[in-house]
Protein backbone atom coordinates (compact mmCIF):
# COMPACT_ATOMS: atom_id res chain seq x y z
CA MET A 1 48.19 232.71 141.78
CA ALA A 2 44.91 231.08 140.88
CA GLU A 3 43.33 228.94 143.57
CA ILE A 4 43.48 225.22 142.86
CA SER A 5 39.99 223.86 142.34
CA LYS A 6 39.06 221.11 144.78
CA THR A 7 37.51 218.54 142.51
CA ASN A 8 37.55 214.81 142.25
CA MET A 9 40.04 214.86 139.38
CA ASP A 10 42.61 212.06 139.52
CA ILE A 11 45.98 213.83 139.71
CA PRO A 12 48.82 211.30 139.10
CA PHE A 13 51.15 212.05 142.00
CA VAL A 14 52.29 208.42 142.31
CA PRO A 15 53.67 206.37 139.38
CA VAL A 16 51.95 203.11 138.52
CA GLY A 17 54.24 201.52 135.92
CA TRP A 18 57.96 200.80 136.06
CA GLY A 19 60.91 201.90 133.94
CA GLY A 20 61.68 198.47 132.50
CA LEU A 21 65.37 198.40 133.52
CA ASN A 22 66.53 194.81 133.91
CA LYS A 23 69.13 194.45 136.65
CA SER A 24 70.46 191.87 139.05
CA THR A 25 73.23 191.76 141.67
CA GLY A 26 74.02 195.43 141.07
CA VAL A 27 74.57 195.16 137.30
CA THR A 28 72.19 196.07 134.48
CA ASN A 29 71.20 193.33 132.04
CA GLU A 30 70.05 195.37 129.05
CA GLU A 31 72.95 194.41 126.74
CA PHE A 32 72.35 191.11 124.91
CA LEU A 33 76.01 190.62 123.91
CA PRO A 34 78.13 189.25 126.80
CA GLU A 35 81.19 190.96 125.30
CA LEU A 36 79.59 194.37 125.92
CA SER A 37 77.99 193.75 129.30
CA GLY A 38 79.34 194.65 132.74
CA ARG A 39 83.08 194.73 133.36
CA ARG A 40 83.71 192.68 130.24
CA GLY A 41 82.03 195.40 128.21
CA ILE A 42 84.22 198.04 129.83
CA GLU A 43 87.33 196.13 128.74
CA THR A 44 85.94 195.78 125.20
CA TYR A 45 85.21 199.49 124.86
CA LYS A 46 88.64 200.26 126.31
CA GLN A 47 90.24 198.08 123.64
CA MET A 48 88.19 199.77 120.91
CA SER A 49 89.12 203.25 122.18
CA THR A 50 92.83 202.70 122.62
CA ASN A 51 93.70 200.11 119.98
CA ASP A 52 91.80 201.10 116.83
CA PRO A 53 93.11 204.03 114.75
CA THR A 54 89.69 205.01 113.40
CA VAL A 55 87.93 204.93 116.77
CA GLY A 56 90.88 206.66 118.43
CA ALA A 57 90.91 209.43 115.82
CA LEU A 58 87.18 210.02 116.21
CA LEU A 59 87.39 210.22 120.01
CA PHE A 60 90.48 212.45 119.87
CA SER A 61 88.80 214.88 117.46
CA ILE A 62 85.73 215.03 119.72
CA GLU A 63 87.87 215.59 122.81
CA GLN A 64 89.96 218.35 121.25
CA LYS A 65 86.87 220.10 119.89
CA LEU A 66 84.85 220.02 123.09
CA LYS A 67 87.56 220.80 125.63
CA SER A 68 88.24 224.13 123.90
CA VAL A 69 84.63 225.30 124.25
CA LYS A 70 84.24 228.28 126.55
CA TRP A 71 81.70 227.81 129.34
CA ILE A 72 79.49 230.72 130.38
CA THR A 73 77.91 231.44 133.77
CA ARG A 74 74.50 233.09 133.63
CA THR A 75 72.45 234.75 136.34
CA HIS A 76 69.31 233.21 137.79
CA LYS A 77 66.30 233.24 135.45
CA ASN A 78 63.64 235.49 136.91
CA ILE A 79 59.97 234.89 136.23
CA GLY A 80 58.68 237.23 133.57
CA GLY A 81 62.17 238.00 132.30
CA ALA A 82 62.94 240.61 134.98
CA PRO A 83 66.55 241.89 134.93
CA ALA A 84 69.06 240.33 137.29
CA THR A 85 69.49 241.88 140.72
CA ARG A 86 72.83 242.85 142.20
CA GLU A 87 72.68 239.79 144.47
CA GLN A 88 72.12 237.51 141.49
CA GLU A 89 75.06 239.01 139.62
CA TYR A 90 77.24 238.57 142.71
CA ALA A 91 76.12 234.94 142.97
CA ARG A 92 77.10 234.39 139.34
CA ASP A 93 80.58 235.76 140.06
CA ILE A 94 80.89 233.45 143.09
CA LEU A 95 80.02 230.40 140.98
CA GLU A 96 82.63 231.36 138.38
CA THR A 97 85.35 231.37 141.04
CA ILE A 98 84.18 228.02 142.42
CA LEU A 99 84.04 226.13 139.11
CA PHE A 100 86.62 227.80 136.89
CA GLU A 101 89.29 229.24 139.20
CA ASP A 102 89.53 227.36 142.48
CA MET A 103 89.46 223.59 141.91
CA ASP A 104 92.53 221.35 142.16
CA THR A 105 91.94 220.20 138.59
CA THR A 106 91.16 222.60 135.79
CA TRP A 107 87.74 222.75 134.18
CA ASP A 108 89.27 221.58 130.88
CA GLU A 109 90.64 218.47 132.59
CA PHE A 110 87.24 217.77 134.10
CA ILE A 111 85.55 218.08 130.69
CA VAL A 112 88.04 215.67 129.07
CA GLN A 113 87.39 213.06 131.77
CA ALA A 114 83.64 213.63 131.64
CA LEU A 115 83.76 212.90 127.91
CA SER A 116 84.86 209.35 128.69
CA MET A 117 81.10 208.78 128.86
CA ILE A 118 81.20 208.69 125.04
CA PRO A 119 83.03 205.36 124.66
CA TYR A 120 81.86 203.80 127.95
CA GLY A 121 78.31 205.16 128.14
CA TRP A 122 78.89 206.80 131.53
CA SER A 123 81.42 208.71 133.61
CA LEU A 124 81.31 209.36 137.34
CA PHE A 125 82.91 211.99 139.60
CA GLU A 126 83.07 212.20 143.35
CA VAL A 127 82.40 215.73 144.61
CA VAL A 128 84.94 216.84 147.24
CA ALA A 129 84.28 220.14 149.05
CA LYS A 130 86.52 222.58 150.91
CA ARG A 131 86.26 225.65 153.10
CA ARG A 132 87.78 228.68 151.36
CA LEU A 133 90.19 230.07 153.98
CA GLY A 134 92.97 231.45 151.83
CA PRO A 135 96.02 230.19 149.91
CA ASP A 136 98.26 229.87 152.97
CA HIS A 137 96.16 227.41 154.93
CA ARG A 138 98.00 224.18 155.77
CA THR A 139 95.21 221.67 155.07
CA ASP A 140 93.86 220.80 151.64
CA THR A 141 90.28 220.90 152.92
CA LYS A 142 90.62 224.62 153.69
CA ARG A 143 93.23 225.92 151.22
CA SER A 144 91.87 228.21 148.52
CA ARG A 145 92.73 231.16 146.30
CA TYR A 146 89.99 233.00 148.18
CA ASN A 147 89.56 233.82 151.84
CA ASP A 148 85.83 234.41 152.10
CA GLY A 149 84.86 231.46 154.32
CA LEU A 150 82.53 230.00 151.73
CA ILE A 151 82.33 226.30 150.96
CA GLY A 152 83.63 225.61 147.48
CA ILE A 153 84.65 222.58 145.47
CA ARG A 154 88.07 221.14 146.10
CA SER A 155 87.84 218.68 143.22
CA LEU A 156 85.55 216.76 140.94
CA SER A 157 87.48 213.51 141.30
CA PHE A 158 87.16 211.08 138.40
CA ARG A 159 86.31 207.48 139.29
CA PRO A 160 87.47 205.38 136.32
CA GLN A 161 85.10 202.96 134.65
CA ASP A 162 87.48 200.02 135.04
CA THR A 163 87.17 200.29 138.85
CA PHE A 164 83.41 199.62 138.66
CA LEU A 165 82.02 196.69 140.67
CA ARG A 166 78.27 197.30 140.90
CA TRP A 167 75.47 199.78 141.57
CA GLU A 168 73.05 199.95 144.46
CA TRP A 169 69.40 201.03 144.21
CA ASN A 170 66.93 202.07 146.92
CA LYS A 171 64.38 199.35 147.58
CA ASP A 172 61.47 201.73 148.17
CA ASP A 173 61.65 204.01 145.10
CA ASP A 174 64.22 202.17 142.91
CA LYS A 175 66.39 205.28 142.66
CA LEU A 176 70.16 204.96 142.34
CA ALA A 177 71.66 204.88 145.83
CA ALA A 178 75.39 204.24 145.48
CA PHE A 179 78.35 203.40 143.27
CA ILE A 180 80.48 200.49 144.47
CA GLN A 181 84.10 200.84 143.38
CA GLU A 182 86.93 198.35 143.47
CA ALA A 183 89.64 199.52 145.85
CA GLY A 184 93.22 199.68 144.66
CA SER A 185 95.89 197.37 146.03
CA ASP A 186 97.22 200.12 148.30
CA ASN A 187 93.78 201.27 149.48
CA PHE A 188 92.70 201.08 153.09
CA ALA A 189 89.14 199.96 152.28
CA ALA A 190 88.20 196.70 153.95
CA GLY A 191 87.03 193.97 151.62
CA GLY A 192 88.45 195.70 148.58
CA GLU A 193 85.34 197.85 148.02
CA ILE A 194 84.54 201.55 148.30
CA LYS A 195 80.94 202.76 148.52
CA ILE A 196 80.20 206.25 147.19
CA PRO A 197 76.64 207.43 147.99
CA ALA A 198 74.62 209.01 145.19
CA ASN A 199 74.53 212.38 146.97
CA LYS A 200 78.32 212.55 146.71
CA PHE A 201 78.84 211.91 143.00
CA LEU A 202 77.92 213.29 139.59
CA LEU A 203 76.91 210.81 136.88
CA PHE A 204 77.08 211.66 133.18
CA ASN A 205 75.65 209.53 130.37
CA ALA A 206 76.32 209.65 126.65
CA ARG A 207 72.79 208.41 126.04
CA LYS A 208 70.19 207.62 128.67
CA LEU A 209 67.98 204.57 128.18
CA LYS A 210 65.52 203.14 130.72
CA ASN A 211 67.14 205.38 133.33
CA SER A 212 70.14 203.05 133.39
CA PRO A 213 73.18 204.48 135.22
CA GLU A 214 75.40 202.80 132.61
CA GLY A 215 73.70 204.54 129.69
CA VAL A 216 74.57 203.47 126.16
CA SER A 217 78.05 203.80 124.65
CA ALA A 218 78.40 205.90 121.51
CA LEU A 219 80.54 203.02 120.20
CA ARG A 220 77.76 200.45 120.57
CA ALA A 221 76.76 200.56 116.89
CA ALA A 222 80.46 200.51 115.91
CA TYR A 223 81.17 197.23 117.69
CA ARG A 224 80.11 194.91 114.86
CA PRO A 225 82.23 196.57 112.11
CA TRP A 226 85.11 196.93 114.59
CA TYR A 227 84.90 193.22 115.46
CA PHE A 228 84.97 192.08 111.82
CA LYS A 229 87.65 194.59 110.91
CA THR A 230 89.89 193.46 113.78
CA ASN A 231 89.58 189.80 112.81
CA ILE A 232 90.12 190.50 109.12
CA GLU A 233 93.26 192.51 109.91
CA GLN A 234 94.62 189.56 111.89
CA ILE A 235 93.84 187.19 109.01
CA GLU A 236 95.47 189.62 106.60
CA ALA A 237 98.61 189.80 108.74
CA MET A 238 98.84 186.00 108.90
CA GLY A 239 98.31 185.82 105.14
CA ILE A 240 101.08 188.33 104.51
CA GLU A 241 103.40 186.39 106.79
CA ARG A 242 102.64 183.13 104.98
CA ASP A 243 103.03 184.76 101.57
CA LEU A 244 106.42 186.21 102.51
CA ALA A 245 107.82 183.38 104.62
CA GLY A 246 105.87 180.53 103.05
CA LEU A 247 103.75 177.80 104.60
CA PRO A 248 105.99 175.32 106.44
CA VAL A 249 105.48 171.68 105.44
CA ILE A 250 107.34 168.69 106.93
CA LYS A 251 107.22 165.36 105.11
CA ILE A 252 107.69 162.25 107.25
CA PRO A 253 107.52 158.52 106.45
CA LYS A 254 104.07 157.01 106.23
CA LYS A 255 105.24 154.14 108.45
CA LEU A 256 106.10 156.58 111.24
CA MET A 257 102.57 157.96 111.20
CA ALA A 258 101.11 154.43 111.08
CA ASP A 259 103.24 153.35 114.05
CA ALA A 260 102.12 156.41 115.99
CA HIS A 261 98.50 155.63 115.20
CA ALA A 262 99.07 152.03 116.34
CA GLY A 263 100.27 153.21 119.74
CA ASP A 264 104.05 153.20 119.42
CA GLU A 265 105.14 155.73 122.05
CA ASN A 266 108.40 156.59 120.30
CA ALA A 267 106.55 157.16 117.01
CA ARG A 268 103.94 159.27 118.77
CA ALA A 269 106.61 161.44 120.35
CA ALA A 270 108.36 161.91 117.01
CA VAL A 271 105.14 162.87 115.18
CA ALA A 272 104.17 165.28 117.99
CA SER A 273 107.60 166.88 117.78
CA TYR A 274 107.25 167.44 114.03
CA GLN A 275 103.73 168.86 114.50
CA THR A 276 104.98 171.34 117.08
CA THR A 277 107.85 172.34 114.80
CA VAL A 278 105.68 172.97 111.73
CA ARG A 279 103.14 174.91 113.80
CA ASP A 280 105.59 177.18 115.61
CA LEU A 281 108.12 177.70 112.83
CA ARG A 282 108.79 181.39 112.13
CA MET A 283 111.33 182.88 109.78
CA ASN A 284 113.37 185.28 111.90
CA SER A 285 116.90 185.83 113.12
CA GLN A 286 116.54 183.01 115.67
CA SER A 287 114.95 180.47 113.34
CA GLY A 288 116.54 177.08 112.78
CA LEU A 289 115.50 173.48 112.23
CA LEU A 290 117.11 170.16 113.13
CA LEU A 291 115.96 167.18 111.02
CA PRO A 292 117.31 163.63 110.50
CA SER A 293 119.12 163.23 107.18
CA ASP A 294 118.51 159.49 106.59
CA PRO A 295 117.37 158.77 102.99
CA PHE A 296 114.97 156.06 101.92
CA PRO A 297 116.80 152.84 100.89
CA ASN A 298 116.44 151.02 97.57
CA ASN A 299 115.37 147.38 97.42
CA ASP A 300 119.00 146.35 97.49
CA GLY A 301 119.65 148.50 100.57
CA SER A 302 121.52 151.28 98.78
CA PRO A 303 120.47 154.87 99.70
CA THR A 304 118.20 156.91 97.42
CA ASN A 305 118.16 160.69 96.92
CA ILE A 306 114.87 161.05 98.81
CA ARG A 307 115.18 161.85 102.48
CA GLN A 308 112.81 160.26 104.96
CA VAL A 309 112.13 163.59 106.70
CA GLU A 310 112.06 166.77 104.65
CA MET A 311 110.89 170.33 105.26
CA GLU A 312 109.84 172.89 102.66
CA LEU A 313 108.03 176.24 102.50
CA LEU A 314 105.05 176.53 100.19
CA SER A 315 104.27 179.98 98.76
CA ALA A 316 100.89 181.08 97.45
CA SER A 317 100.77 181.37 93.68
CA GLY A 318 98.74 183.95 91.76
CA ARG A 319 96.80 186.95 93.10
CA HIS A 320 93.93 186.96 95.55
CA ASN A 321 90.54 187.85 94.13
CA LEU A 322 89.52 189.72 97.30
CA ASP A 323 90.73 193.29 97.92
CA MET A 324 91.41 193.19 101.66
CA GLU A 325 92.25 196.89 101.81
CA GLU A 326 88.84 197.87 100.43
CA VAL A 327 87.11 195.52 102.87
CA ILE A 328 88.92 197.09 105.83
CA ARG A 329 88.21 200.58 104.49
CA ARG A 330 84.52 199.70 104.26
CA TYR A 331 84.46 198.74 107.92
CA ASP A 332 86.30 201.96 108.80
CA ARG A 333 83.56 203.92 107.05
CA SER A 334 80.92 201.98 108.98
CA ILE A 335 82.64 202.79 112.28
CA ALA A 336 82.80 206.49 111.42
CA ARG A 337 79.23 206.52 110.12
CA SER A 338 77.95 205.07 113.40
CA MET A 339 79.12 208.30 115.09
CA LEU A 340 78.05 210.67 112.27
CA ALA A 341 81.73 211.28 111.51
CA ASP A 342 82.20 209.58 108.14
CA PHE A 343 82.98 213.00 106.64
CA LEU A 344 86.42 212.64 108.28
CA LEU A 345 87.18 209.81 105.83
CA LEU A 346 86.10 211.60 102.65
CA GLY A 347 89.72 212.35 101.77
CA ASP A 348 90.64 208.66 101.81
CA SER A 349 88.96 208.06 98.46
CA ASP A 350 87.95 209.94 95.34
CA ARG A 351 84.34 210.05 96.49
CA GLY A 352 82.55 212.92 98.21
CA SER A 353 82.39 216.66 97.77
CA TYR A 354 82.84 219.81 99.80
CA ALA A 355 79.09 220.37 100.04
CA LEU A 356 78.51 216.83 101.29
CA SER A 357 81.36 217.16 103.78
CA LYS A 358 79.99 220.46 105.13
CA ASN A 359 76.48 219.08 105.59
CA LYS A 360 77.77 216.01 107.42
CA SER A 361 80.17 218.02 109.58
CA ASP A 362 77.36 220.37 110.61
CA PHE A 363 75.29 217.36 111.63
CA PHE A 364 78.26 215.97 113.57
CA LEU A 365 78.75 219.27 115.43
CA SER A 366 75.08 219.32 116.42
CA GLY A 367 75.63 215.92 118.02
CA LEU A 368 78.62 217.25 119.96
CA THR A 369 76.47 220.12 121.20
CA GLY A 370 74.07 217.58 122.65
CA TRP A 371 76.83 215.97 124.72
CA LEU A 372 77.92 219.32 126.15
CA ASP A 373 74.31 220.19 126.95
CA SER A 374 73.94 216.90 128.85
CA ILE A 375 77.01 217.76 130.95
CA ALA A 376 75.60 221.22 131.67
CA LYS A 377 72.26 219.77 132.78
CA VAL A 378 73.94 217.52 135.37
CA ILE A 379 76.03 220.44 136.67
CA ASN A 380 72.97 222.69 136.96
CA ARG A 381 70.70 220.00 138.43
CA ASP A 382 73.02 218.16 140.81
CA LEU A 383 76.14 220.20 141.58
CA ILE A 384 75.18 223.88 141.84
CA PRO A 385 72.17 223.26 144.14
CA ARG A 386 74.47 221.33 146.52
CA VAL A 387 76.93 224.22 146.67
CA TRP A 388 74.08 226.65 147.30
CA ALA A 389 72.71 224.45 150.09
CA TRP A 390 76.16 224.11 151.72
CA ASN A 391 76.47 227.89 151.92
CA GLY A 392 72.85 228.64 152.83
CA PHE A 393 72.36 230.80 149.74
CA SER A 394 68.89 231.69 148.54
CA PRO A 395 67.64 229.56 145.61
CA ASP A 396 66.45 232.81 144.01
CA THR A 397 70.08 233.79 143.40
CA MET A 398 71.25 230.42 142.04
CA PRO A 399 73.00 230.86 138.65
CA TYR A 400 73.60 228.21 136.00
CA VAL A 401 76.21 227.33 133.37
CA VAL A 402 75.88 226.83 129.63
CA PRO A 403 78.46 225.72 127.06
CA GLY A 404 79.53 228.22 124.44
CA ASP A 405 79.39 227.68 120.71
CA ILE A 406 81.33 224.73 119.33
CA ALA A 407 81.76 225.99 115.78
CA PRO A 408 83.24 229.47 115.26
CA TYR A 409 81.08 232.11 113.66
CA ASP A 410 81.30 232.60 109.92
CA ILE A 411 82.23 236.29 110.06
CA SER A 412 81.27 236.99 106.44
CA GLU A 413 77.84 235.38 106.89
CA LEU A 414 77.38 237.19 110.19
CA GLY A 415 78.29 240.52 108.61
CA LYS A 416 75.78 239.96 105.83
CA PHE A 417 73.12 239.07 108.39
CA PHE A 418 73.60 242.30 110.37
CA LYS A 419 73.75 244.33 107.18
CA ASP A 420 70.39 242.94 106.08
CA LEU A 421 68.91 243.66 109.51
CA SER A 422 70.21 247.22 109.44
CA SER A 423 68.84 247.75 105.93
CA ALA A 424 65.45 246.59 107.17
CA GLY A 425 65.51 249.30 109.84
CA ALA A 426 66.59 247.31 112.89
CA ALA A 427 68.42 249.41 115.51
CA ILE A 428 71.44 247.21 116.22
CA PHE A 429 74.24 249.61 117.16
CA PRO A 430 75.47 251.03 119.43
CA ASN A 431 75.44 247.87 121.55
CA GLU A 432 78.58 247.47 123.62
CA SER A 433 78.12 243.82 124.61
CA LEU A 434 77.24 242.78 121.05
CA GLU A 435 80.18 244.72 119.62
CA ARG A 436 82.53 243.09 122.12
CA GLU A 437 81.34 239.59 121.21
CA LEU A 438 81.62 240.24 117.47
CA VAL A 439 85.14 241.64 117.82
CA GLU A 440 86.24 238.67 119.94
CA SER A 441 84.69 236.24 117.43
CA ALA A 442 86.76 237.84 114.69
CA GLY A 443 89.93 237.37 116.76
CA LEU A 444 90.53 241.11 117.09
CA SER A 445 91.61 243.16 120.08
CA PRO A 446 88.84 244.43 122.37
CA LEU A 447 87.40 247.86 121.72
CA HIS A 448 88.44 250.67 124.08
CA ARG A 449 86.03 253.57 124.33
CA GLU A 450 86.85 256.97 125.66
CA GLU A 451 84.56 258.49 128.26
CA GLY A 452 81.57 260.04 126.53
CA ASP A 453 81.87 258.02 123.31
CA LEU A 454 78.64 256.70 121.88
């Protein structure tokens, strides 16, 4: 290694500026809409995720696509590309048992919960360890499928977003120090709070901005079309109800209204009663109305055919000029477009083509790959080094994980690619590992070679 020159160069070991994250009382203040900030924002995103068909379909498709991805454990990267040692291969096998075979929850379940960072902007897991002392041990902290005495991971326990109270930062370096969680009603925690230190949790973000622990929700850009769509649907439902049932109208004597305005308590009570009736009237199996039947008198005192109090239902006449369905569909497209998933709605209209759909779906899949990569980076940076430190393993043997391919291979395109390479003189086969991967990608049974086969 070259000797470092001792010069007067100014090497920036200490930062001068700051990250720009606005925060107070343990909550970030980057969001300018109160509806999307803090715990109120969590409730809004929860409503969007669980109550809107378009948002729910997008999140479900993402979840189903990503939870089926196969994760791969790779050996430690050696400087200069040197092949892995036997110790490094053994370390890789150990990590596979810890992550994929010996946790209380499956890896697929962990991935699904980690993906809740997409609607909320972040997801957090408490890391719980255990000593691997065999399957027959009586305590959960020591029970394992393996009896090798190593320290593994008992669980990556999800801490739901709606239990969030606040964050804590270190005063000296402004790094995240702890997650403060609201305790459940049956929890033993005093004061209704649980403090989880930063060295005991994993934090995932859909999109990192200003190093905020809350990140940015993937639904942030979808909020405005969702808000208008939700309100328009409610207006549409009320309009349909009024068109079908009619607008209730109650006619009362002018004198009664004048007396109420003049302060007559009996008149006021009567007018208020009619107002409540006309406001709350609904046409259903329990509907009914009780009205006085007194008619107006003639000048000579004889009754007329016009009742003093009368109720009727007014129906809208003619057709509306505004196509509500198209307006709602437009907002649905805006919601999907905000997540690069508008290709999912191409079949809802006569617009679009296969080529356009394929281009957009490829772009969408590249975005999904980014989310899996962000999960892998947190696992490799924060979780695996902890496990290695617990067990006293050498950092030179530390493996890492990578997500597999999201989209399946196009076998015909892949075959053409290898054919062109072979025609150009590339020596591709025999290659046992490559052949195995190609056969598995095609959904065929593994190859079995006899001893001595090339």
